Amino acid sequence: MEAGTSFDYFVYYRVRGGLDTGSVRARAKLMQSSLAHGFDGLETRLLQRADEATTWMEIYRGVRDRQAFEAALEAAVEANRLDEIIEPGSARHLECFVESD
C-alpha cells in the first residue's frame, strides 16, 4: 500500500438477546467517540441489520495507521466491556477494506 492510504474497518457481531438496545447503543457509541478523538479524521457509524436487529455493525472510515488503530480498538473494546454484549457462541468479526483503484 502507498503512504497516505486510508482504510475502512467494518466490525459486525450479534448482540446478546434480552439486552436493552438503548444501553447497548450508548456503550458502543461511547467507545466509538473515544476512538474518534484519538485518530484525526476518523469517521464512525453504528448500524443494525435491517432484517435482524440483533446483528450490529461498527464502521470506522479514514484509518491511516492500521496497527495503531487495531490496538486502540482492542483496548477500547476491553475498556468498554463490549464483549459482554456479544451473543454467547458468537464473536466480533473485523474486516479491513481499501478503496479499489
PDB file of N, CA and C in Angstrom:
ATOM      1  N   MET A   1       0.835  -1.178   0.000  1.00  0.00           N
ATOM      2  CA  MET A   1       0.000   0.000   0.000  1.00  0.00           C
ATOM      3  C   MET A   1       0.882   1.244   0.000  1.00  0.00           C
ATOM      4  N   GLU A   2       0.401   2.280  -0.675  1.00  0.00           N
ATOM      5  CA  GLU A   2       1.123   3.545  -0.713  1.00  0.00           C
ATOM      6  C   GLU A   2       0.985   4.292   0.604  1.00  0.00           C
ATOM      7  N   ALA A   3       1.964   5.164   0.870  1.00  0.00           N
ATOM      8  CA  ALA A   3       1.834   6.051   2.024  1.00  0.00           C
ATOM      9  C   ALA A   3       0.610   6.927   1.795  1.00  0.00           C
ATOM     10  N   GLY A   4      -0.115   7.204   2.846  1.00  0.00           N
ATOM     11  CA  GLY A   4      -1.309   8.032   2.719  1.00  0.00           C
ATOM     12  C   GLY A   4      -2.572   7.246   2.422  1.00  0.00           C
ATOM     13  N   THR A   5      -2.449   5.922   2.295  1.00  0.00           N
ATOM     14  CA  THR A   5      -3.627   5.095   2.043  1.00  0.00           C
ATOM     15  C   THR A   5      -4.559   5.157   3.248  1.00  0.00           C
ATOM     16  N   SER A   6      -5.838   5.240   2.961  1.00  0.00           N
ATOM     17  CA  SER A   6      -6.861   5.269   4.002  1.00  0.00           C
ATOM     18  C   SER A   6      -7.606   3.938   4.004  1.00  0.00           C
ATOM     19  N   PHE A   7      -7.856   3.417   5.191  1.00  0.00           N
ATOM     20  CA  PHE A   7      -8.522   2.126   5.340  1.00  0.00           C
ATOM     21  C   PHE A   7      -9.875   2.310   6.012  1.00  0.00           C
ATOM     22  N   ASP A   8     -10.804   1.439   5.671  1.00  0.00           N
ATOM     23  CA  ASP A   8     -12.124   1.417   6.303  1.00  0.00           C
ATOM     24  C   ASP A   8     -12.291   0.083   7.014  1.00  0.00           C
ATOM     25  N   TYR A   9     -12.755   0.144   8.249  1.00  0.00           N
ATOM     26  CA  TYR A   9     -12.971  -1.057   9.055  1.00  0.00           C
ATOM     27  C   TYR A   9     -14.460  -1.279   9.276  1.00  0.00           C
ATOM     28  N   PHE A  10     -14.845  -2.533   9.197  1.00  0.00           N
ATOM     29  CA  PHE A  10     -16.218  -2.954   9.439  1.00  0.00           C
ATOM     30  C   PHE A  10     -16.164  -4.059  10.489  1.00  0.00           C
ATOM     31  N   VAL A  11     -16.872  -3.850  11.590  1.00  0.00           N
ATOM     32  CA  VAL A  11     -16.892  -4.819  12.682  1.00  0.00           C
ATOM     33  C   VAL A  11     -18.350  -5.213  12.898  1.00  0.00           C
ATOM     34  N   TYR A  12     -18.641  -6.497  12.739  1.00  0.00           N
ATOM     35  CA  TYR A  12     -20.028  -6.920  12.919  1.00  0.00           C
ATOM     36  C   TYR A  12     -20.104  -8.034  13.957  1.00  0.00           C
ATOM     37  N   TYR A  13     -21.269  -8.092  14.607  1.00  0.00           N
ATOM     38  CA  TYR A  13     -21.462  -9.051  15.694  1.00  0.00           C
ATOM     39  C   TYR A  13     -22.944  -9.164  16.017  1.00  0.00           C
ATOM     40  N   ARG A  14     -23.267 -10.221  16.745  1.00  0.00           N
ATOM     41  CA  ARG A  14     -24.642 -10.425  17.219  1.00  0.00           C
ATOM     42  C   ARG A  14     -24.710 -10.023  18.685  1.00  0.00           C
ATOM     43  N   VAL A  15     -25.682  -9.181  18.991  1.00  0.00           N
ATOM     44  CA  VAL A  15     -25.891  -8.715  20.358  1.00  0.00           C
ATOM     45  C   VAL A  15     -26.682  -9.769  21.129  1.00  0.00           C
ATOM     46  N   ARG A  16     -26.289  -9.973  22.355  1.00  0.00           N
ATOM     47  CA  ARG A  16     -26.957 -10.925  23.253  1.00  0.00           C
ATOM     48  C   ARG A  16     -28.443 -10.569  23.364  1.00  0.00           C
ATOM     49  N   GLY A  17     -29.289 -11.559  23.225  1.00  0.00           N
ATOM     50  CA  GLY A  17     -30.729 -11.349  23.332  1.00  0.00           C
ATOM     51  C   GLY A  17     -31.133 -10.859  24.712  1.00  0.00           C
ATOM     52  N   GLY A  18     -32.166 -10.039  24.762  1.00  0.00           N
ATOM     53  CA  GLY A  18     -32.697  -9.564  26.026  1.00  0.00           C
ATOM     54  C   GLY A  18     -32.047  -8.307  26.571  1.00  0.00           C
ATOM     55  N   LEU A  19     -30.999  -7.809  25.919  1.00  0.00           N
ATOM     56  CA  LEU A  19     -30.355  -6.584  26.401  1.00  0.00           C
ATOM     57  C   LEU A  19     -31.136  -5.362  25.924  1.00  0.00           C
ATOM     58  N   ASP A  20     -31.073  -4.295  26.706  1.00  0.00           N
ATOM     59  CA  ASP A  20     -31.706  -3.036  26.340  1.00  0.00           C
ATOM     60  C   ASP A  20     -30.942  -2.394  25.181  1.00  0.00           C
ATOM     61  N   THR A  21     -31.627  -2.200  24.060  1.00  0.00           N
ATOM     62  CA  THR A  21     -30.987  -1.654  22.858  1.00  0.00           C
ATOM     63  C   THR A  21     -30.366  -0.285  23.123  1.00  0.00           C
ATOM     64  N   GLY A  22     -31.046   0.539  23.893  1.00  0.00           N
ATOM     65  CA  GLY A  22     -30.529   1.873  24.188  1.00  0.00           C
ATOM     66  C   GLY A  22     -29.209   1.844  24.932  1.00  0.00           C
ATOM     67  N   SER A  23     -29.076   0.961  25.904  1.00  0.00           N
ATOM     68  CA  SER A  23     -27.816   0.898  26.652  1.00  0.00           C
ATOM     69  C   SER A  23     -26.704   0.274  25.813  1.00  0.00           C
ATOM     70  N   VAL A  24     -27.048  -0.683  24.961  1.00  0.00           N
ATOM     71  CA  VAL A  24     -26.050  -1.262  24.051  1.00  0.00           C
ATOM     72  C   VAL A  24     -25.545  -0.177  23.106  1.00  0.00           C
ATOM     73  N   ARG A  25     -26.474   0.578  22.525  1.00  0.00           N
ATOM     74  CA  ARG A  25     -26.106   1.655  21.601  1.00  0.00           C
ATOM     75  C   ARG A  25     -25.230   2.688  22.314  1.00  0.00           C
ATOM     76  N   ALA A  26     -25.611   3.080  23.524  1.00  0.00           N
ATOM     77  CA  ALA A  26     -24.840   4.080  24.267  1.00  0.00           C
ATOM     78  C   ALA A  26     -23.420   3.599  24.539  1.00  0.00           C
ATOM     79  N   ARG A  27     -23.269   2.346  24.903  1.00  0.00           N
ATOM     80  CA  ARG A  27     -21.940   1.796  25.193  1.00  0.00           C
ATOM     81  C   ARG A  27     -21.077   1.776  23.930  1.00  0.00           C
ATOM     82  N   ALA A  28     -21.655   1.327  22.816  1.00  0.00           N
ATOM     83  CA  ALA A  28     -20.901   1.271  21.561  1.00  0.00           C
ATOM     84  C   ALA A  28     -20.553   2.673  21.064  1.00  0.00           C
ATOM     85  N   LYS A  29     -21.489   3.613  21.166  1.00  0.00           N
ATOM     86  CA  LYS A  29     -21.245   4.987  20.712  1.00  0.00           C
ATOM     87  C   LYS A  29     -20.170   5.665  21.565  1.00  0.00           C
ATOM     88  N   LEU A  30     -20.179   5.404  22.864  1.00  0.00           N
ATOM     89  CA  LEU A  30     -19.156   5.960  23.745  1.00  0.00           C
ATOM     90  C   LEU A  30     -17.778   5.460  23.329  1.00  0.00           C
ATOM     91  N   MET A  31     -17.687   4.176  23.026  1.00  0.00           N
ATOM     92  CA  MET A  31     -16.422   3.611  22.581  1.00  0.00           C
ATOM     93  C   MET A  31     -15.983   4.255  21.266  1.00  0.00           C
ATOM     94  N   GLN A  32     -16.908   4.389  20.316  1.00  0.00           N
ATOM     95  CA  GLN A  32     -16.572   4.996  19.029  1.00  0.00           C
ATOM     96  C   GLN A  32     -16.119   6.443  19.201  1.00  0.00           C
ATOM     97  N   SER A  33     -16.771   7.168  20.075  1.00  0.00           N
ATOM     98  CA  SER A  33     -16.407   8.561  20.320  1.00  0.00           C
ATOM     99  C   SER A  33     -14.995   8.668  20.879  1.00  0.00           C
ATOM    100  N   SER A  34     -14.654   7.788  21.804  1.00  0.00           N
ATOM    101  CA  SER A  34     -13.302   7.822  22.370  1.00  0.00           C
ATOM    102  C   SER A  34     -12.258   7.494  21.307  1.00  0.00           C
ATOM    103  N   LEU A  35     -12.577   6.568  20.421  1.00  0.00           N
ATOM    104  CA  LEU A  35     -11.644   6.244  19.336  1.00  0.00           C
ATOM    105  C   LEU A  35     -11.495   7.418  18.370  1.00  0.00           C
ATOM    106  N   ALA A  36     -12.596   8.065  18.035  1.00  0.00           N
ATOM    107  CA  ALA A  36     -12.564   9.186  17.086  1.00  0.00           C
ATOM    108  C   ALA A  36     -11.692  10.326  17.607  1.00  0.00           C
ATOM    109  N   HIS A  37     -11.665  10.521  18.923  1.00  0.00           N
ATOM    110  CA  HIS A  37     -10.831  11.576  19.494  1.00  0.00           C
ATOM    111  C   HIS A  37      -9.344  11.244  19.402  1.00  0.00           C
ATOM    112  N   GLY A  38      -9.012   9.979  19.251  1.00  0.00           N
ATOM    113  CA  GLY A  38      -7.615   9.573  19.196  1.00  0.00           C
ATOM    114  C   GLY A  38      -7.027   9.482  17.799  1.00  0.00           C
ATOM    115  N   PHE A  39      -7.876   9.612  16.768  1.00  0.00           N
ATOM    116  CA  PHE A  39      -7.404   9.460  15.388  1.00  0.00           C
ATOM    117  C   PHE A  39      -7.997  10.573  14.530  1.00  0.00           C
ATOM    118  N   ASP A  40      -7.138  11.480  14.061  1.00  0.00           N
ATOM    119  CA  ASP A  40      -7.600  12.592  13.229  1.00  0.00           C
ATOM    120  C   ASP A  40      -8.318  12.086  11.987  1.00  0.00           C
ATOM    121  N   GLY A  41      -9.471  12.660  11.717  1.00  0.00           N
ATOM    122  CA  GLY A  41     -10.213  12.342  10.502  1.00  0.00           C
ATOM    123  C   GLY A  41     -11.013  11.055  10.551  1.00  0.00           C
ATOM    124  N   LEU A  42     -11.000  10.349  11.676  1.00  0.00           N
ATOM    125  CA  LEU A  42     -11.736   9.090  11.773  1.00  0.00           C
ATOM    126  C   LEU A  42     -13.236   9.366  11.834  1.00  0.00           C
ATOM    127  N   GLU A  43     -13.985   8.709  10.958  1.00  0.00           N
ATOM    128  CA  GLU A  43     -15.444   8.804  10.944  1.00  0.00           C
ATOM    129  C   GLU A  43     -16.003   7.476  11.438  1.00  0.00           C
ATOM    130  N   THR A  44     -17.037   7.547  12.271  1.00  0.00           N
ATOM    131  CA  THR A  44     -17.632   6.325  12.809  1.00  0.00           C
ATOM    132  C   THR A  44     -19.127   6.283  12.522  1.00  0.00           C
ATOM    133  N   ARG A  45     -19.640   5.071  12.422  1.00  0.00           N
ATOM    134  CA  ARG A  45     -21.084   4.835  12.293  1.00  0.00           C
ATOM    135  C   ARG A  45     -21.412   3.567  13.062  1.00  0.00           C
ATOM    136  N   LEU A  46     -22.659   3.478  13.487  1.00  0.00           N
ATOM    137  CA  LEU A  46     -23.149   2.288  14.172  1.00  0.00           C
ATOM    138  C   LEU A  46     -24.474   1.915  13.529  1.00  0.00           C
ATOM    139  N   LEU A  47     -24.557   0.684  13.014  1.00  0.00           N
ATOM    140  CA  LEU A  47     -25.744   0.232  12.287  1.00  0.00           C
ATOM    141  C   LEU A  47     -26.305  -1.037  12.904  1.00  0.00           C
ATOM    142  N   GLN A  48     -27.599  -1.250  12.670  1.00  0.00           N
ATOM    143  CA  GLN A  48     -28.256  -2.515  12.990  1.00  0.00           C
ATOM    144  C   GLN A  48     -28.744  -3.104  11.678  1.00  0.00           C
ATOM    145  N   ARG A  49     -28.655  -4.406  11.568  1.00  0.00           N
ATOM    146  CA  ARG A  49     -29.127  -5.080  10.359  1.00  0.00           C
ATOM    147  C   ARG A  49     -30.636  -4.861  10.213  1.00  0.00           C
ATOM    148  N   ALA A  50     -31.082  -4.565   9.001  1.00  0.00           N
ATOM    149  CA  ALA A  50     -32.483  -4.224   8.746  1.00  0.00           C
ATOM    150  C   ALA A  50     -33.430  -5.375   9.053  1.00  0.00           C
ATOM    151  N   ASP A  51     -33.025  -6.585   8.734  1.00  0.00           N
ATOM    152  CA  ASP A  51     -33.927  -7.728   8.898  1.00  0.00           C
ATOM    153  C   ASP A  51     -33.585  -8.609  10.101  1.00  0.00           C
ATOM    154  N   GLU A  52     -32.643  -8.168  10.912  1.00  0.00           N
ATOM    155  CA  GLU A  52     -32.253  -8.930  12.106  1.00  0.00           C
ATOM    156  C   GLU A  52     -31.617  -7.960  13.102  1.00  0.00           C
ATOM    157  N   ALA A  53     -32.431  -7.373  13.946  1.00  0.00           N
ATOM    158  CA  ALA A  53     -31.999  -6.280  14.821  1.00  0.00           C
ATOM    159  C   ALA A  53     -30.900  -6.660  15.804  1.00  0.00           C
ATOM    160  N   THR A  54     -30.623  -7.940  15.982  1.00  0.00           N
ATOM    161  CA  THR A  54     -29.555  -8.330  16.905  1.00  0.00           C
ATOM    162  C   THR A  54     -28.182  -8.321  16.245  1.00  0.00           C
ATOM    163  N   THR A  55     -28.115  -8.118  14.930  1.00  0.00           N
ATOM    164  CA  THR A  55     -26.823  -8.014  14.246  1.00  0.00           C
ATOM    165  C   THR A  55     -26.478  -6.536  14.092  1.00  0.00           C
ATOM    166  N   TRP A  56     -25.335  -6.174  14.631  1.00  0.00           N
ATOM    167  CA  TRP A  56     -24.890  -4.775  14.614  1.00  0.00           C
ATOM    168  C   TRP A  56     -23.578  -4.670  13.848  1.00  0.00           C
ATOM    169  N   MET A  57     -23.313  -3.447  13.354  1.00  0.00           N
ATOM    170  CA  MET A  57     -22.063  -3.193  12.647  1.00  0.00           C
ATOM    171  C   MET A  57     -21.511  -1.832  13.055  1.00  0.00           C
ATOM    172  N   GLU A  58     -20.236  -1.842  13.416  1.00  0.00           N
ATOM    173  CA  GLU A  58     -19.492  -0.604  13.657  1.00  0.00           C
ATOM    174  C   GLU A  58     -18.685  -0.331  12.393  1.00  0.00           C
ATOM    175  N   ILE A  59     -18.664   0.921  11.960  1.00  0.00           N
ATOM    176  CA  ILE A  59     -17.887   1.306  10.784  1.00  0.00           C
ATOM    177  C   ILE A  59     -16.906   2.396  11.198  1.00  0.00           C
ATOM    178  N   TYR A  60     -15.673   2.245  10.745  1.00  0.00           N
ATOM    179  CA  TYR A  60     -14.618   3.215  11.004  1.00  0.00           C
ATOM    180  C   TYR A  60     -13.990   3.568   9.665  1.00  0.00           C
ATOM    181  N   ARG A  61     -14.135   4.825   9.240  1.00  0.00           N
ATOM    182  CA  ARG A  61     -13.608   5.259   7.947  1.00  0.00           C
ATOM    183  C   ARG A  61     -12.466   6.244   8.153  1.00  0.00           C
ATOM    184  N   GLY A  62     -11.459   6.119   7.303  1.00  0.00           N
ATOM    185  CA  GLY A  62     -10.359   7.071   7.329  1.00  0.00           C
ATOM    186  C   GLY A  62      -9.206   6.684   8.231  1.00  0.00           C
ATOM    187  N   VAL A  63      -9.014   5.394   8.458  1.00  0.00           N
ATOM    188  CA  VAL A  63      -7.899   4.925   9.289  1.00  0.00           C
ATOM    189  C   VAL A  63      -6.607   5.033   8.478  1.00  0.00           C
ATOM    190  N   ARG A  64      -5.606   5.669   9.037  1.00  0.00           N
ATOM    191  CA  ARG A  64      -4.315   5.825   8.349  1.00  0.00           C
ATOM    192  C   ARG A  64      -3.257   4.845   8.871  1.00  0.00           C
ATOM    193  N   ASP A  65      -3.327   4.532  10.149  1.00  0.00           N
ATOM    194  CA  ASP A  65      -2.332   3.648  10.772  1.00  0.00           C
ATOM    195  C   ASP A  65      -3.057   2.401  11.278  1.00  0.00           C
ATOM    196  N   ARG A  66      -3.007   1.349  10.497  1.00  0.00           N
ATOM    197  CA  ARG A  66      -3.755   0.132  10.826  1.00  0.00           C
ATOM    198  C   ARG A  66      -3.336  -0.462  12.162  1.00  0.00           C
ATOM    199  N   GLN A  67      -2.047  -0.569  12.374  1.00  0.00           N
ATOM    200  CA  GLN A  67      -1.548  -1.197  13.596  1.00  0.00           C
ATOM    201  C   GLN A  67      -2.000  -0.427  14.835  1.00  0.00           C
ATOM    202  N   ALA A  68      -1.851   0.890  14.815  1.00  0.00           N
ATOM    203  CA  ALA A  68      -2.254   1.712  15.960  1.00  0.00           C
ATOM    204  C   ALA A  68      -3.766   1.650  16.165  1.00  0.00           C
ATOM    205  N   PHE A  69      -4.526   1.696  15.071  1.00  0.00           N
ATOM    206  CA  PHE A  69      -5.984   1.654  15.196  1.00  0.00           C
ATOM    207  C   PHE A  69      -6.449   0.319  15.763  1.00  0.00           C
ATOM    208  N   GLU A  70      -5.927  -0.775  15.246  1.00  0.00           N
ATOM    209  CA  GLU A  70      -6.364  -2.090  15.721  1.00  0.00           C
ATOM    210  C   GLU A  70      -6.035  -2.286  17.201  1.00  0.00           C
ATOM    211  N   ALA A  71      -4.873  -1.790  17.629  1.00  0.00           N
ATOM    212  CA  ALA A  71      -4.515  -1.880  19.051  1.00  0.00           C
ATOM    213  C   ALA A  71      -5.455  -1.018  19.894  1.00  0.00           C
ATOM    214  N   ALA A  72      -5.758   0.187  19.412  1.00  0.00           N
ATOM    215  CA  ALA A  72      -6.662   1.084  20.140  1.00  0.00           C
ATOM    216  C   ALA A  72      -8.075   0.517  20.186  1.00  0.00           C
ATOM    217  N   LEU A  73      -8.524  -0.087  19.093  1.00  0.00           N
ATOM    218  CA  LEU A  73      -9.858  -0.685  19.054  1.00  0.00           C
ATOM    219  C   LEU A  73      -9.954  -1.835  20.054  1.00  0.00           C
ATOM    220  N   GLU A  74      -8.949  -2.678  20.063  1.00  0.00           N
ATOM    221  CA  GLU A  74      -8.942  -3.810  21.005  1.00  0.00           C
ATOM    222  C   GLU A  74      -8.984  -3.313  22.451  1.00  0.00           C
ATOM    223  N   ALA A  75      -8.190  -2.289  22.747  1.00  0.00           N
ATOM    224  CA  ALA A  75      -8.173  -1.726  24.104  1.00  0.00           C
ATOM    225  C   ALA A  75      -9.515  -1.079  24.446  1.00  0.00           C
ATOM    226  N   ALA A  76     -10.132  -0.412  23.476  1.00  0.00           N
ATOM    227  CA  ALA A  76     -11.424   0.250  23.709  1.00  0.00           C
ATOM    228  C   ALA A  76     -12.534  -0.770  23.937  1.00  0.00           C
ATOM    229  N   VAL A  77     -12.506  -1.865  23.193  1.00  0.00           N
ATOM    230  CA  VAL A  77     -13.497  -2.933  23.390  1.00  0.00           C
ATOM    231  C   VAL A  77     -13.383  -3.473  24.810  1.00  0.00           C
ATOM    232  N   GLU A  78     -12.153  -3.687  25.246  1.00  0.00           N
ATOM    233  CA  GLU A  78     -11.929  -4.200  26.605  1.00  0.00           C
ATOM    234  C   GLU A  78     -12.351  -3.174  27.656  1.00  0.00           C
ATOM    235  N   ALA A  79     -11.943  -1.918  27.481  1.00  0.00           N
ATOM    236  CA  ALA A  79     -12.254  -0.871  28.459  1.00  0.00           C
ATOM    237  C   ALA A  79     -13.760  -0.638  28.591  1.00  0.00           C
ATOM    238  N   ASN A  80     -14.479  -0.766  27.481  1.00  0.00           N
ATOM    239  CA  ASN A  80     -15.930  -0.547  27.487  1.00  0.00           C
ATOM    240  C   ASN A  80     -16.725  -1.835  27.677  1.00  0.00           C
ATOM    241  N   ARG A  81     -15.998  -2.926  27.908  1.00  0.00           N
ATOM    242  CA  ARG A  81     -16.596  -4.244  28.163  1.00  0.00           C
ATOM    243  C   ARG A  81     -17.618  -4.631  27.088  1.00  0.00           C
ATOM    244  N   LEU A  82     -17.264  -4.370  25.839  1.00  0.00           N
ATOM    245  CA  LEU A  82     -18.175  -4.680  24.731  1.00  0.00           C
ATOM    246  C   LEU A  82     -18.367  -6.170  24.542  1.00  0.00           C
ATOM    247  N   ASP A  83     -17.406  -6.974  24.967  1.00  0.00           N
ATOM    248  CA  ASP A  83     -17.571  -8.422  24.819  1.00  0.00           C
ATOM    249  C   ASP A  83     -18.756  -8.940  25.634  1.00  0.00           C
ATOM    250  N   GLU A  84     -19.167  -8.182  26.653  1.00  0.00           N
ATOM    251  CA  GLU A  84     -20.309  -8.589  27.477  1.00  0.00           C
ATOM    252  C   GLU A  84     -21.637  -8.540  26.720  1.00  0.00           C
ATOM    253  N   ILE A  85     -21.688  -7.778  25.632  1.00  0.00           N
ATOM    254  CA  ILE A  85     -22.953  -7.651  24.890  1.00  0.00           C
ATOM    255  C   ILE A  85     -23.055  -8.648  23.739  1.00  0.00           C
ATOM    256  N   ILE A  86     -21.982  -9.400  23.488  1.00  0.00           N
ATOM    257  CA  ILE A  86     -21.948 -10.335  22.360  1.00  0.00           C
ATOM    258  C   ILE A  86     -22.725 -11.606  22.701  1.00  0.00           C
ATOM    259  N   GLU A  87     -23.512 -12.063  21.765  1.00  0.00           N
ATOM    260  CA  GLU A  87     -24.272 -13.309  21.916  1.00  0.00           C
ATOM    261  C   GLU A  87     -23.304 -14.458  22.217  1.00  0.00           C
ATOM    262  N   PRO A  88     -23.583 -15.261  23.252  1.00  0.00           N
ATOM    263  CA  PRO A  88     -22.721 -16.412  23.545  1.00  0.00           C
ATOM    264  C   PRO A  88     -22.569 -17.309  22.311  1.00  0.00           C
ATOM    265  N   GLY A  89     -21.352 -17.760  22.079  1.00  0.00           N
ATOM    266  CA  GLY A  89     -21.065 -18.586  20.913  1.00  0.00           C
ATOM    267  C   GLY A  89     -20.774 -17.770  19.667  1.00  0.00           C
ATOM    268  N   SER A  90     -20.895 -16.452  19.770  1.00  0.00           N
ATOM    269  CA  SER A  90     -20.629 -15.549  18.651  1.00  0.00           C
ATOM    270  C   SER A  90     -19.341 -14.784  18.949  1.00  0.00           C
ATOM    271  N   ALA A  91     -18.971 -13.876  18.067  1.00  0.00           N
ATOM    272  CA  ALA A  91     -17.758 -13.082  18.255  1.00  0.00           C
ATOM    273  C   ALA A  91     -17.851 -11.809  17.431  1.00  0.00           C
ATOM    274  N   ARG A  92     -16.969 -10.874  17.726  1.00  0.00           N
ATOM    275  CA  ARG A  92     -16.830  -9.671  16.891  1.00  0.00           C
ATOM    276  C   ARG A  92     -15.994 -10.069  15.677  1.00  0.00           C
ATOM    277  N   HIS A  93     -16.458  -9.701  14.498  1.00  0.00           N
ATOM    278  CA  HIS A  93     -15.746 -10.002  13.253  1.00  0.00           C
ATOM    279  C   HIS A  93     -15.242  -8.692  12.667  1.00  0.00           C
ATOM    280  N   LEU A  94     -13.940  -8.608  12.441  1.00  0.00           N
ATOM    281  CA  LEU A  94     -13.306  -7.389  11.953  1.00  0.00           C
ATOM    282  C   LEU A  94     -12.845  -7.586  10.516  1.00  0.00           C
ATOM    283  N   GLU A  95     -13.217  -6.650   9.653  1.00  0.00           N
ATOM    284  CA  GLU A  95     -12.795  -6.669   8.248  1.00  0.00           C
ATOM    285  C   GLU A  95     -12.207  -5.308   7.913  1.00  0.00           C
ATOM    286  N   CYS A  96     -11.144  -5.289   7.115  1.00  0.00           N
ATOM    287  CA  CYS A  96     -10.496  -4.048   6.700  1.00  0.00           C
ATOM    288  C   CYS A  96     -10.519  -3.963   5.176  1.00  0.00           C
ATOM    289  N   PHE A  97     -10.947  -2.809   4.660  1.00  0.00           N
ATOM    290  CA  PHE A  97     -11.037  -2.604   3.217  1.00  0.00           C
ATOM    291  C   PHE A  97     -10.298  -1.336   2.823  1.00  0.00           C
ATOM    292  N   VAL A  98      -9.885  -1.297   1.573  1.00  0.00           N
ATOM    293  CA  VAL A  98      -9.238  -0.128   0.990  1.00  0.00           C
ATOM    294  C   VAL A  98      -9.936   0.165  -0.335  1.00  0.00           C
ATOM    295  N   GLU A  99      -9.929   1.420  -0.743  1.00  0.00           N
ATOM    296  CA  GLU A  99     -10.566   1.825  -1.998  1.00  0.00           C
ATOM    297  C   GLU A  99      -9.946   1.066  -3.170  1.00  0.00           C
ATOM    298  N   SER A 100     -10.785   0.558  -4.042  1.00  0.00           N
ATOM    299  CA  SER A 100     -10.317  -0.147  -5.235  1.00  0.00           C
ATOM    300  C   SER A 100     -10.000   0.878  -6.317  1.00  0.00           C
ATOM    301  N   ASP A 101      -8.834   0.748  -6.915  1.00  0.00           N
ATOM    302  CA  ASP A 101      -8.447   1.693  -7.985  1.00  0.00           C
ATOM    303  C   ASP A 101      -8.962   1.261  -9.324  1.00  0.00           C
TER     304      ASP A 101
END
